[in-house]
Amino acid sequence: METIQNYLESMFASLPNTPEVIKAKCELGQMMEDKYTELMAEGKSDNEAVGQVIAEFGNLDDLAEALGISHILHDKVVYFANTRKVTEEEVRSYLFDATLSSMLRGLGVFLAIVSPCGVILATTLHSSNGRNFLILGLVFLFLAIAACVGLCTYSGLKMGKWYFLKREACSIDYSTTGMVNDARNQLHGTVILERTIAVILFCTCYIPLIVLCMWKKEAFFAGIGVTILLFMVGIAVFILVAASGRENGYARLLRLNSRQKMEGYFSEGQRDVYYDHPKLQAFMSLYWPTVVCAYLIISFLTFSWAISWIIWPIAAIVNSLIHTIFGNEKGE
């Protein structure tokens, strides 16, 4: 009977989600169930019963008039959007690219956060080699920033081929939708664990700095403490970016199917946010790169690396407020 139910779902997948269609689906489902029960009572095997039910009721074109949905089935101008069907192979390829891209972005942000560590340690050295260490620290800084820009740029270019998922009307079939939703549900526990680890790192990142400062009241040990703090914050941010990127990849695919259709629709995840004001839309597209620049400029001007990382959670809060107050959601 599960096979019949799945076949019924696929028959109505692309039809509009209207009371008429829902009623027709329920009526046809009851007819198929009654026929299946009757055949089983006659001694048919499960496969024979399923095959005969599908053969008798499996063509919606033949049943549309009796079910009262012939005008809906054939009025493609009104009820059927000219959507691009995304294949299962494309879906798997997109999920792979989304996962890889999120990891590359996370690594880039990690490198941006830890980039000043070499300079911090070098400025705390008072030996004759302090100048040489400072040069090495500056080299590490510029290489880390260059790597950050390169990784983020490559990540954006890699996902550029999937821009049609935003620009065009797309959909995925019922079975692929179920596969993606099942995979997202399996990922959910891992995402929760990763976010828990990130929160623990955020909450404990000050501990090494405090311990080292209490143990040795010297600038070098304070520098080591700040370096450990930045590495812990960087790892936490990397985990959050990578986890969110993977999860958003699944959510984007599950938002492709319109709520107006009967086919599988699972859009509990985060939606795309856009802004009516063009200038605000342009600003938000550069929001996080601006935050990175502000973090580096403020940190270099004040040398308050131990506290300047607070810019990141503040930026996240401001970003959420702007989304809530000025943003509109796509995907309905």
Protein backbone atom coordinates (compact mmCIF):
# COMPACT_ATOMS: atom_id res chain seq x y z
CA MET A 1 0.00 0.00 0.00
CA GLU A 2 2.96 2.30 0.57
CA THR A 3 3.90 1.93 -3.09
CA ILE A 4 0.41 3.02 -4.12
CA GLN A 5 0.58 6.02 -1.79
CA ASN A 6 3.92 7.09 -3.22
CA TYR A 7 2.57 6.73 -6.75
CA LEU A 8 -0.46 8.83 -5.81
CA GLU A 9 1.81 11.56 -4.47
CA SER A 10 3.82 11.61 -7.69
CA MET A 11 0.62 11.85 -9.77
CA PHE A 12 -0.49 15.03 -7.99
CA ALA A 13 2.98 16.48 -7.38
CA SER A 14 2.83 19.28 -9.97
CA LEU A 15 -0.83 20.22 -9.52
CA PRO A 16 -1.82 23.40 -7.64
CA ASN A 17 -2.57 23.11 -3.95
CA THR A 18 -6.28 23.98 -4.15
CA PRO A 19 -9.36 22.51 -2.38
CA GLU A 20 -10.48 20.90 -5.66
CA VAL A 21 -7.19 19.09 -6.15
CA ILE A 22 -6.99 18.03 -2.50
CA LYS A 23 -10.53 16.61 -2.72
CA ALA A 24 -9.71 14.78 -5.95
CA LYS A 25 -6.54 13.36 -4.43
CA CYS A 26 -8.43 12.07 -1.38
CA GLU A 27 -11.14 10.53 -3.57
CA LEU A 28 -8.66 8.80 -5.86
CA GLY A 29 -6.64 7.61 -2.87
CA GLN A 30 -9.77 6.05 -1.34
CA MET A 31 -10.65 4.39 -4.65
CA MET A 32 -7.15 2.93 -4.95
CA GLU A 33 -7.24 1.70 -1.36
CA ASP A 34 -10.64 0.06 -1.81
CA LYS A 35 -9.50 -1.66 -4.99
CA TYR A 36 -6.31 -2.86 -3.31
CA THR A 37 -8.27 -4.29 -0.37
CA GLU A 38 -10.69 -6.02 -2.75
CA LEU A 39 -7.87 -7.62 -4.74
CA MET A 40 -6.09 -8.79 -1.61
CA ALA A 41 -9.36 -10.37 -0.40
CA GLU A 42 -9.55 -12.25 -3.72
CA GLY A 43 -6.21 -13.87 -2.96
CA LYS A 44 -3.95 -11.67 -5.09
CA SER A 45 -0.39 -11.18 -3.95
CA ASP A 46 0.76 -7.73 -2.86
CA ASN A 47 2.71 -7.11 -6.08
CA GLU A 48 -0.20 -8.26 -8.23
CA ALA A 49 -2.65 -6.05 -6.34
CA VAL A 50 -0.39 -3.00 -6.53
CA GLY A 51 0.25 -3.52 -10.25
CA GLN A 52 -3.45 -3.85 -11.07
CA VAL A 53 -4.40 -0.79 -8.98
CA ILE A 54 -1.78 1.36 -10.70
CA ALA A 55 -2.80 0.02 -14.13
CA GLU A 56 -6.45 0.87 -13.47
CA PHE A 57 -6.07 4.21 -11.69
CA GLY A 58 -2.56 5.33 -12.66
CA ASN A 59 -3.44 7.64 -15.57
CA LEU A 60 -4.65 10.98 -14.27
CA ASP A 61 -5.60 12.19 -17.76
CA ASP A 62 -8.24 9.45 -17.99
CA LEU A 63 -9.59 10.17 -14.49
CA ALA A 64 -9.43 13.97 -14.52
CA GLU A 65 -12.97 14.52 -15.80
CA ALA A 66 -14.51 12.08 -13.32
CA LEU A 67 -12.56 13.72 -10.48
CA GLY A 68 -13.59 17.21 -11.61
CA ILE A 69 -10.08 18.53 -12.23
CA SER A 70 -9.80 18.33 -16.03
CA HIS A 71 -9.83 22.13 -16.34
CA ILE A 72 -6.99 22.36 -13.83
CA LEU A 73 -4.97 19.57 -15.41
CA HIS A 74 -5.03 21.10 -18.89
CA ASP A 75 -5.03 24.82 -18.15
CA LYS A 76 -1.24 25.12 -18.14
CA VAL A 77 -1.25 28.90 -18.62
CA VAL A 78 -2.97 29.48 -15.30
CA TYR A 79 -1.82 26.61 -13.13
CA PHE A 80 1.60 25.53 -14.36
CA ALA A 81 4.60 27.78 -14.01
CA ASN A 82 7.37 27.46 -16.54
CA THR A 83 9.78 25.98 -14.01
CA ARG A 84 13.13 24.34 -14.52
CA LYS A 85 13.28 20.81 -13.16
CA VAL A 86 16.45 20.24 -11.14
CA THR A 87 17.58 16.64 -11.50
CA GLU A 88 18.71 14.43 -8.64
CA GLU A 89 22.25 14.48 -10.03
CA GLU A 90 22.24 18.30 -9.99
CA VAL A 91 20.88 18.25 -6.44
CA ARG A 92 23.70 16.01 -5.22
CA SER A 93 26.27 18.15 -7.04
CA TYR A 94 24.82 21.32 -5.50
CA LEU A 95 24.92 19.88 -1.99
CA PHE A 96 28.56 18.87 -2.46
CA ASP A 97 29.48 22.34 -3.75
CA ALA A 98 27.51 24.05 -0.96
CA THR A 99 29.31 21.99 1.69
CA LEU A 100 32.75 22.62 0.18
CA SER A 101 32.01 26.31 -0.35
CA SER A 102 30.89 26.80 3.26
CA MET A 103 34.06 25.13 4.54
CA LEU A 104 36.22 27.35 2.33
CA ARG A 105 34.40 30.47 3.57
CA GLY A 106 34.76 29.30 7.15
CA LEU A 107 38.48 28.70 6.65
CA GLY A 108 38.82 32.14 5.11
CA VAL A 109 37.15 33.82 8.08
CA PHE A 110 39.31 31.75 10.45
CA LEU A 111 42.45 33.00 8.72
CA ALA A 112 41.20 36.59 8.93
CA ILE A 113 40.63 36.26 12.69
CA VAL A 114 44.02 34.67 13.45
CA SER A 115 45.99 36.78 10.97
CA PRO A 116 47.24 39.25 13.64
CA CYS A 117 48.61 36.52 15.92
CA GLY A 118 52.14 36.72 14.51
CA VAL A 119 52.29 40.49 14.98
CA ILE A 120 50.89 40.20 18.51
CA LEU A 121 53.54 37.71 19.57
CA ALA A 122 56.31 39.67 17.86
CA THR A 123 55.41 42.92 19.63
CA THR A 124 55.68 41.20 23.01
CA LEU A 125 59.27 40.07 22.39
CA HIS A 126 62.05 42.29 23.71
CA SER A 127 64.99 40.26 22.44
CA SER A 128 67.36 41.32 19.71
CA ASN A 129 65.44 39.10 17.31
CA GLY A 130 62.20 40.94 17.99
CA ARG A 131 62.44 42.87 14.70
CA ASN A 132 62.89 39.67 12.71
CA PHE A 133 59.89 38.11 14.43
CA LEU A 134 57.88 41.24 13.64
CA ILE A 135 58.71 40.87 9.96
CA LEU A 136 57.63 37.22 10.07
CA GLY A 137 54.45 38.26 11.86
CA LEU A 138 53.67 40.83 9.15
CA VAL A 139 54.34 38.24 6.44
CA PHE A 140 51.94 35.84 8.16
CA LEU A 141 49.37 38.64 8.45
CA PHE A 142 49.44 39.52 4.76
CA LEU A 143 49.51 35.87 3.65
CA ALA A 144 46.54 35.02 5.88
CA ILE A 145 44.52 37.99 4.59
CA ALA A 146 45.43 37.11 0.99
CA ALA A 147 44.38 33.49 1.61
CA CYS A 148 41.12 34.70 3.18
CA VAL A 149 40.29 36.84 0.15
CA GLY A 150 41.29 34.02 -2.22
CA LEU A 151 39.21 31.38 -0.44
CA CYS A 152 36.13 33.58 -0.18
CA THR A 153 36.46 34.60 -3.84
CA TYR A 154 36.88 31.00 -5.00
CA SER A 155 33.93 29.96 -2.84
CA GLY A 156 31.74 32.60 -4.46
CA LEU A 157 32.85 31.63 -7.96
CA LYS A 158 32.23 27.95 -7.27
CA MET A 159 28.65 28.68 -6.21
CA GLY A 160 28.13 31.09 -9.11
CA LYS A 161 27.00 28.30 -11.44
CA TRP A 162 24.08 27.66 -9.07
CA TYR A 163 22.82 31.23 -9.18
CA PHE A 164 19.96 30.07 -11.40
CA LEU A 165 18.40 28.51 -8.28
CA LYS A 166 17.78 32.09 -7.08
CA ARG A 167 17.15 33.73 -10.44
CA GLU A 168 14.88 31.16 -12.13
CA ALA A 169 11.74 29.34 -11.09
CA CYS A 170 12.95 25.83 -10.24
CA SER A 171 11.53 22.71 -8.65
CA ILE A 172 12.58 19.19 -7.71
CA ASP A 173 10.46 16.07 -7.96
CA TYR A 174 8.72 14.36 -5.09
CA SER A 175 11.25 11.55 -4.55
CA THR A 176 14.23 13.93 -4.66
CA THR A 177 12.49 16.26 -2.22
CA GLY A 178 12.04 13.37 0.20
CA MET A 179 15.69 12.37 -0.20
CA VAL A 180 16.90 15.90 0.53
CA ASN A 181 14.57 16.26 3.52
CA ASP A 182 15.73 12.92 4.97
CA ALA A 183 19.38 13.93 4.52
CA ARG A 184 18.73 17.24 6.26
CA ASN A 185 17.05 15.50 9.17
CA GLN A 186 20.05 13.16 9.52
CA LEU A 187 22.36 16.19 9.49
CA HIS A 188 20.38 17.99 12.18
CA GLY A 189 22.02 16.22 15.13
CA THR A 190 25.51 16.88 13.77
CA VAL A 191 24.72 20.58 13.30
CA ILE A 192 23.48 20.85 16.89
CA LEU A 193 26.68 19.19 18.15
CA GLU A 194 28.86 21.52 16.06
CA ARG A 195 27.04 24.61 17.28
CA THR A 196 27.34 23.40 20.86
CA ILE A 197 31.10 23.03 20.45
CA ALA A 198 31.28 26.53 18.95
CA VAL A 199 29.37 28.02 21.89
CA ILE A 200 31.68 26.24 24.36
CA LEU A 201 34.71 27.67 22.55
CA PHE A 202 33.22 31.16 22.67
CA CYS A 203 32.46 30.83 26.39
CA THR A 204 35.89 29.47 27.35
CA CYS A 205 38.19 31.44 25.04
CA TYR A 206 39.14 33.86 27.84
CA ILE A 207 40.29 31.14 30.22
CA PRO A 208 43.80 30.57 28.71
CA LEU A 209 44.43 34.34 28.66
CA ILE A 210 43.42 34.74 32.31
CA VAL A 211 45.44 31.72 33.43
CA LEU A 212 48.59 32.82 31.59
CA CYS A 213 48.33 36.40 32.86
CA MET A 214 47.92 35.17 36.45
CA TRP A 215 50.77 32.67 36.08
CA LYS A 216 53.31 35.00 34.48
CA LYS A 217 52.72 38.72 34.49
CA GLU A 218 54.77 39.28 31.36
CA ALA A 219 53.75 40.72 28.02
CA PHE A 220 54.88 37.63 26.11
CA PHE A 221 52.56 35.32 28.04
CA ALA A 222 49.73 37.80 27.61
CA GLY A 223 50.44 37.68 23.88
CA ILE A 224 50.27 33.88 23.92
CA GLY A 225 46.95 34.10 25.78
CA VAL A 226 45.52 36.49 23.20
CA THR A 227 46.77 34.25 20.39
CA ILE A 228 45.05 31.22 21.93
CA LEU A 229 41.89 33.30 22.38
CA LEU A 230 41.88 34.31 18.72
CA PHE A 231 42.47 30.72 17.60
CA MET A 232 39.56 29.49 19.73
CA VAL A 233 37.28 32.21 18.39
CA GLY A 234 38.45 31.47 14.84
CA ILE A 235 37.76 27.75 15.20
CA ALA A 236 34.30 28.48 16.64
CA VAL A 237 33.46 30.83 13.75
CA PHE A 238 34.76 28.28 11.23
CA ILE A 239 32.49 25.61 12.74
CA LEU A 240 29.46 27.93 12.66
CA VAL A 241 30.05 29.08 9.07
CA ALA A 242 30.62 25.52 7.80
CA ALA A 243 27.59 24.13 9.65
CA SER A 244 25.28 26.95 8.57
CA GLY A 245 26.44 26.67 4.96
CA ARG A 246 25.64 22.96 4.80
CA GLU A 247 22.28 23.41 6.47
CA ASN A 248 21.33 26.36 4.26
CA GLY A 249 22.17 24.27 1.18
CA TYR A 250 19.50 21.74 2.11
CA ALA A 251 17.04 24.49 3.06
CA ARG A 252 17.48 26.26 -0.29
CA LEU A 253 16.68 23.08 -2.22
CA LEU A 254 13.62 22.40 -0.10
CA ARG A 255 12.36 25.93 -0.75
CA LEU A 256 12.39 25.43 -4.52
CA ASN A 257 8.99 23.79 -4.57
CA SER A 258 6.27 26.38 -4.25
CA ARG A 259 3.71 26.16 -1.48
CA GLN A 260 1.15 26.51 -4.28
CA LYS A 261 1.91 22.99 -5.54
CA MET A 262 1.00 19.61 -4.12
CA GLU A 263 4.54 18.24 -4.41
CA GLY A 264 6.73 17.98 -1.32
CA TYR A 265 7.33 21.33 0.34
CA PHE A 266 9.60 21.51 3.40
CA SER A 267 10.58 25.13 4.04
CA GLU A 268 11.01 25.26 7.80
CA GLY A 269 14.61 26.40 7.29
CA GLN A 270 15.98 29.89 6.86
CA ARG A 271 14.57 31.90 3.94
CA ASP A 272 16.30 34.23 1.53
CA VAL A 273 16.07 37.83 2.66
CA TYR A 274 15.89 40.76 0.27
CA TYR A 275 15.37 44.51 0.75
CA ASP A 276 13.04 46.85 -1.08
CA HIS A 277 15.52 49.74 -0.90
CA PRO A 278 18.28 49.22 -3.53
CA LYS A 279 20.95 51.01 -1.46
CA LEU A 280 20.23 48.87 1.59
CA GLN A 281 20.33 45.75 -0.58
CA ALA A 282 23.74 46.81 -1.92
CA PHE A 283 25.02 47.58 1.58
CA MET A 284 23.92 44.22 2.98
CA SER A 285 25.68 42.40 0.14
CA LEU A 286 28.93 43.98 1.44
CA TYR A 287 28.02 43.78 5.12
CA TRP A 288 30.34 40.97 6.25
CA PRO A 289 33.37 42.09 4.21
CA THR A 290 32.89 45.52 5.82
CA VAL A 291 32.82 43.90 9.26
CA VAL A 292 36.11 42.12 8.52
CA CYS A 293 37.75 45.39 7.45
CA ALA A 294 36.40 47.22 10.52
CA TYR A 295 37.68 44.45 12.80
CA LEU A 296 41.19 44.64 11.36
CA ILE A 297 41.36 48.45 11.29
CA ILE A 298 40.11 48.87 14.88
CA SER A 299 42.37 46.09 16.14
CA PHE A 300 45.47 47.54 14.48
CA LEU A 301 44.76 51.10 15.62
CA THR A 302 44.00 50.20 19.23
CA PHE A 303 45.97 46.92 19.62
CA SER A 304 43.04 45.69 21.71
CA TRP A 305 43.02 42.22 20.20
CA ALA A 306 41.77 40.71 23.45
CA ILE A 307 38.45 42.52 23.18
CA SER A 308 38.08 43.58 19.54
CA TRP A 309 36.70 40.12 18.63
CA ILE A 310 33.46 41.25 20.29
CA ILE A 311 32.80 43.00 16.96
CA TRP A 312 31.72 39.63 15.51
CA PRO A 313 28.79 38.83 17.85
CA ILE A 314 27.70 42.51 17.76
CA ALA A 315 27.77 42.40 13.94
CA ALA A 316 25.66 39.23 13.98
CA ILE A 317 23.07 40.90 16.23
CA VAL A 318 22.93 44.00 14.02
CA ASN A 319 22.59 41.80 10.94
CA SER A 320 19.62 39.97 12.51
CA LEU A 321 17.96 43.27 13.50
CA ILE A 322 18.28 44.66 9.98
CA HIS A 323 16.82 41.45 8.55
CA THR A 324 13.91 41.58 10.98
CA ILE A 325 13.07 45.28 10.57
CA PHE A 326 13.78 45.94 6.89
CA GLY A 327 13.98 42.52 5.24
CA ASN A 328 11.40 40.66 3.24
CA GLU A 329 11.42 36.90 2.81
CA LYS A 330 11.52 34.99 -0.47
CA GLY A 331 10.27 31.51 -0.95
CA GLU A 332 6.50 31.70 -0.44
